[in-house]
Protein backbone atom coordinates (compact mmCIF):
# COMPACT_ATOMS: atom_id res chain seq x y z
CA MET A 1 -15.85 -32.91 12.29
CA ALA A 2 -15.46 -30.49 9.38
CA ALA A 3 -16.01 -26.88 10.23
CA GLY A 4 -16.63 -25.84 6.62
CA ILE A 5 -16.31 -22.39 5.18
CA VAL A 6 -18.11 -19.46 6.78
CA ASN A 7 -19.68 -16.85 4.49
CA LEU A 8 -19.29 -13.37 5.93
CA SER A 9 -20.96 -10.04 5.34
CA THR A 10 -20.43 -6.56 6.72
CA SER A 11 -22.87 -7.31 9.53
CA THR A 12 -21.17 -10.56 10.62
CA PHE A 13 -17.51 -9.79 9.92
CA ASP A 14 -16.43 -8.15 13.19
CA GLU A 15 -18.10 -10.74 15.40
CA ARG A 16 -16.87 -13.78 13.47
CA VAL A 17 -13.35 -12.55 12.62
CA LEU A 18 -12.16 -9.90 15.04
CA SER A 19 -13.59 -11.67 18.11
CA SER A 20 -12.49 -15.17 17.10
CA ASP A 21 -10.43 -17.25 19.52
CA THR A 22 -8.80 -19.08 16.59
CA PRO A 23 -6.98 -17.63 13.58
CA VAL A 24 -9.27 -16.80 10.64
CA VAL A 25 -8.34 -16.94 6.96
CA VAL A 26 -10.61 -14.57 5.05
CA ASP A 27 -10.86 -15.11 1.30
CA PHE A 28 -11.90 -11.93 -0.53
CA TRP A 29 -13.41 -13.17 -3.80
CA ALA A 30 -16.02 -12.55 -6.51
CA GLU A 31 -18.24 -14.80 -8.61
CA TRP A 32 -16.62 -13.62 -11.88
CA CYS A 33 -13.04 -14.25 -10.69
CA GLY A 34 -11.45 -17.32 -12.29
CA PRO A 35 -8.52 -17.67 -9.86
CA CYS A 36 -10.99 -17.30 -6.96
CA LYS A 37 -12.91 -20.30 -8.28
CA SER A 38 -9.70 -22.30 -8.66
CA ILE A 39 -8.70 -21.89 -4.99
CA ALA A 40 -12.22 -22.42 -3.59
CA PRO A 41 -11.90 -26.25 -3.44
CA ILE A 42 -8.44 -25.93 -1.86
CA LEU A 43 -9.81 -23.65 0.84
CA GLY A 44 -12.63 -26.14 1.39
CA GLU A 45 -10.10 -28.93 1.95
CA ILE A 46 -8.12 -26.78 4.37
CA ALA A 47 -11.33 -25.91 6.26
CA ASP A 48 -12.21 -29.62 6.49
CA GLU A 49 -8.73 -30.71 7.56
CA LEU A 50 -7.83 -27.87 9.93
CA GLY A 51 -11.24 -26.68 11.10
CA GLU A 52 -10.37 -27.27 14.75
CA GLN A 53 -7.35 -24.96 14.54
CA ILE A 54 -8.27 -22.32 11.98
CA THR A 55 -11.46 -20.84 10.52
CA VAL A 56 -11.79 -20.33 6.78
CA ALA A 57 -14.19 -17.58 5.75
CA LYS A 58 -15.21 -15.89 2.51
CA VAL A 59 -16.21 -12.32 1.72
CA ASN A 60 -17.79 -11.58 -1.66
CA VAL A 61 -16.30 -8.20 -2.64
CA ASP A 62 -19.23 -7.37 -4.93
CA ASP A 63 -21.71 -7.80 -2.07
CA ASN A 64 -19.44 -6.23 0.60
CA PRO A 65 -17.30 -3.54 -1.07
CA ASP A 66 -16.92 -1.70 2.23
CA LEU A 67 -14.98 -4.63 3.71
CA ALA A 68 -12.71 -4.78 0.67
CA MET A 69 -12.02 -1.04 1.04
CA ARG A 70 -11.54 -1.33 4.80
CA TYR A 71 -8.73 -3.87 4.30
CA ASN A 72 -7.29 -2.34 1.10
CA VAL A 73 -8.10 -5.35 -1.06
CA MET A 74 -7.09 -4.18 -4.53
CA SER A 75 -7.06 -7.50 -6.37
CA ILE A 76 -8.69 -10.85 -5.82
CA PRO A 77 -8.30 -13.44 -4.61
CA THR A 78 -6.75 -11.91 -1.52
CA LEU A 79 -6.44 -14.00 1.62
CA LEU A 80 -6.03 -12.17 4.92
CA VAL A 81 -5.02 -14.13 7.99
CA PHE A 82 -6.39 -12.63 11.19
CA SER A 83 -5.13 -13.58 14.63
CA GLY A 84 -6.18 -11.79 17.78
CA GLY A 85 -8.33 -9.43 15.71
CA GLU A 86 -5.39 -8.17 13.64
CA VAL A 87 -4.23 -8.90 10.09
CA HIS A 88 -1.01 -10.90 10.37
CA LYS A 89 -0.59 -12.06 6.79
CA ARG A 90 -1.79 -11.05 3.32
CA LEU A 91 -1.64 -13.47 0.39
CA VAL A 92 -2.60 -12.15 -3.04
CA GLY A 93 -3.40 -14.42 -5.98
CA ALA A 94 -4.23 -18.08 -6.31
CA LYS A 95 -1.83 -20.42 -4.52
CA GLY A 96 -1.56 -24.19 -4.42
CA LYS A 97 -2.57 -26.18 -1.36
CA SER A 98 0.98 -26.95 -0.24
CA HIS A 99 1.96 -23.28 -0.47
CA LEU A 100 -1.13 -22.20 1.49
CA LEU A 101 -0.50 -24.80 4.20
CA GLN A 102 3.10 -23.61 4.46
CA GLU A 103 1.92 -19.98 4.81
CA LEU A 104 -0.64 -20.96 7.48
CA ASP A 105 1.66 -23.24 9.48
CA GLU A 106 2.72 -20.53 11.94
CA PHE A 107 -0.94 -20.02 12.93
CA LEU A 108 -1.66 -23.68 13.66
CA VAL A 109 -1.61 -25.02 17.20
CA SER A 110 0.36 -28.12 16.31
CA SER A 111 2.24 -29.18 13.23
CA ARG A 112 0.65 -31.79 11.03
């Protein structure tokens, strides 16, 4: 079953990301960001395919600027990979699906 993408806010971030038992990919994005829109469907596919092993979440930087500042997000899209409540990887800019899967492979329970 597809887990889908979780939309986060300041009030839900810590509970959903820092307390998660599975790795969480957080996409910092904005409505006006072209590259953000281009990777959105890719992140949706990853969420559908790997939802049992990894959570994909989004944070709108315009609605939650405090979270962007907290994690030093200077440009978008920025993907932060959290594991055990800590940032383990930072990916800046739009990437293709194969590149994203390669970057996330170390966080997956079993190889595809």
